[in-house]
Every structure is written in structure tokens, then in C-alpha cells.
Protein backbone atom coordinates (compact mmCIF):
# COMPACT_ATOMS: atom_id res chain seq x y z
CA MET A 1 2.45 11.72 20.38
CA ARG A 2 2.70 11.64 24.13
CA SER A 3 0.78 14.14 26.24
CA MET A 4 2.67 16.68 28.32
CA ARG A 5 1.61 14.87 31.51
CA GLY A 6 2.82 11.57 30.08
CA SER A 7 6.16 13.15 29.18
CA VAL A 8 6.60 14.46 32.71
CA VAL A 9 5.84 11.01 34.14
CA VAL A 10 8.40 9.46 31.79
CA MET A 11 10.99 12.06 32.88
CA VAL A 12 10.40 11.20 36.54
CA VAL A 13 10.68 7.48 35.79
CA VAL A 14 13.89 7.92 33.79
CA ALA A 15 15.33 10.16 36.48
CA ALA A 16 14.39 7.59 39.12
CA VAL A 17 16.03 4.77 37.21
CA VAL A 18 19.13 6.89 36.71
CA VAL A 19 19.31 7.75 40.41
CA CYS A 20 18.49 4.27 41.65
CA SER A 21 20.83 2.54 39.24
CA TRP A 22 23.84 4.65 40.10
CA GLY A 23 26.73 2.90 41.81
CA ASN A 24 26.90 5.36 44.68
CA VAL A 25 23.36 5.29 46.00
CA GLN A 26 22.90 8.11 48.46
CA MET A 27 20.35 7.69 51.22
CA ALA A 28 18.37 10.67 52.49
CA SER A 29 19.23 11.88 55.94
CA ALA A 30 16.55 12.37 58.57
CA ASP A 31 16.63 16.11 57.94
CA THR A 32 15.69 15.90 54.24
CA SER A 33 12.29 17.57 54.14
CA PRO A 34 9.50 16.84 51.64
CA SER A 35 10.11 20.24 50.04
CA GLN A 36 13.84 19.48 49.68
CA CYS A 37 12.99 16.14 48.07
CA LYS A 38 10.59 17.83 45.67
CA GLU A 39 13.28 20.32 44.70
CA GLU A 40 15.80 17.49 44.18
CA ARG A 41 13.35 15.67 41.90
CA ASN A 42 12.67 18.83 39.89
CA LEU A 43 16.38 19.57 39.46
CA LEU A 44 17.08 15.97 38.48
CA VAL A 45 14.24 15.82 35.95
CA ASN A 46 15.28 19.12 34.36
CA ALA A 47 18.97 18.18 34.19
CA CYS A 48 18.28 14.71 32.76
CA ARG A 49 15.45 15.62 30.36
CA PRO A 50 17.60 15.01 27.22
CA VAL A 51 17.99 11.34 28.27
CA ILE A 52 14.32 10.86 27.34
CA TYR A 53 15.11 11.94 23.79
CA GLY A 54 17.92 9.44 23.40
CA ARG A 55 20.84 11.63 24.40
CA SER A 56 23.58 10.68 26.79
CA PRO A 57 23.46 12.20 30.27
CA SER A 58 25.13 15.61 30.42
CA ALA A 59 27.72 16.54 33.03
CA ASN A 60 24.95 18.41 34.85
CA CYS A 61 22.67 15.34 34.76
CA CYS A 62 25.47 13.15 36.08
CA GLN A 63 26.11 15.62 38.90
CA ARG A 64 22.41 15.69 39.86
CA VAL A 65 22.38 11.88 39.88
CA ARG A 66 25.35 11.82 42.26
CA VAL A 67 23.78 14.19 44.79
CA SER A 68 20.12 13.10 44.67
CA HIS A 69 18.69 10.93 47.41
CA VAL A 70 17.06 7.60 46.53
CA GLU A 71 14.27 8.19 49.06
CA CYS A 72 13.33 11.38 47.24
CA VAL A 73 12.83 9.64 43.90
CA CYS A 74 12.02 5.93 44.30
CA PRO A 75 8.61 6.42 45.96
CA TYR A 76 7.44 7.91 42.64
CA VAL A 77 8.26 4.74 40.71
CA THR A 78 4.86 3.06 41.00
CA PRO A 79 3.78 0.09 38.87
CA LYS A 80 1.93 2.51 36.59
CA THR A 81 4.93 4.79 36.05
CA ALA A 82 7.30 1.82 35.79
CA SER A 83 5.25 0.44 32.90
CA ILE A 84 5.97 3.63 30.95
CA ILE A 85 9.70 2.89 31.06
CA GLY A 86 9.03 0.08 28.57
CA ALA A 87 9.13 2.67 25.77
CA ILE A 88 12.69 3.59 26.74
CA GLY A 89 13.92 0.40 28.36
CA VAL A 90 15.89 -0.03 31.56
CA ASP A 91 18.79 -1.50 29.55
CA ASN A 92 19.04 1.70 27.49
CA VAL A 93 19.11 3.84 30.62
CA VAL A 94 21.78 1.58 32.14
CA LYS A 95 23.91 2.00 29.00
CA LYS A 96 23.65 5.78 29.28
CA ILE A 97 24.69 5.65 32.93
CA GLU A 98 27.63 3.41 32.13
CA GLY A 99 28.54 5.89 29.38
CA CYS A 100 29.25 8.32 32.23
CA GLY A 101 31.77 5.86 33.66
CA ARG A 102 29.55 4.66 36.51
CA THR A 103 28.84 1.07 37.51
CA VAL A 104 25.20 0.02 37.74
CA PRO A 105 24.44 -2.43 40.55
CA ARG A 106 22.69 -5.59 39.37
CA LYS A 107 19.22 -6.30 40.74
CA PHE A 108 18.90 -2.92 42.46
CA LYS A 109 15.26 -2.19 43.34
CA CYS A 110 13.87 1.34 43.08
CA GLY A 111 10.12 1.46 43.53
CA SER A 112 8.64 -0.91 40.96
CA ILE A 113 11.78 -1.15 38.82
CA THR A 114 14.66 -3.57 39.32
CA THR A 115 17.81 -3.09 37.27
CA PRO A 116 18.98 -6.07 35.18
């Protein structure tokens, strides 16, 4: 069984892949503060938590993905956290995103993860 810390890391990685794989990648504006980015990450992780357990993204998760800024999430996708995604698989996350009716760009790089 995964530790609580490990589960949180996996949630951040999944949320990052979801955000970075989305067709409409939104870039942070110059006025996005570190505290705003932290809040965005927290909202995204909480909204998309069921994705970790094999569920499809909810309407709320999809909404958070659409409004989150790549620069707020991708810096947290380090090689160490990216290796954790192996348990879930980028392809599985892409399928869930496409289940929401969104196109996933090929070869999009977010931190240490590149979409297929």
C-alpha cells in the first residue's frame, strides 16, 4: 500500500499530466503569484483525485484542467515524480482526458513527462 505522501505525489503527477496534455494549454500570465499557483495545484489535485483510482475525470476535474496554468503545475513533474506515473501510465491518463472530449497534443512536454 502506498504511503500518504506517495499518494499525494501521484495526485500531483496525474494532475500535471492532465493539465499538460490538455488541448488548450493555458500559459500563466506575469501576474500569477506563487500563492495563486499553489492554490491552482491544490484545487486541481482535489478535483482530479478520483482519476488516481481509475475513474474518469469529473466535470469539476475537467473544468479545473481548463483553467489551470501549465507553469503552475509542470515544474512539479521532476524525474522522481514522473517515475511514479508508471503505475498509472500516461496512456491511461490520455484516454481519460479524451473521454472528456478533449484532444491530447502528441509529444507535449510537461516537466519530465512527454505525452505519446
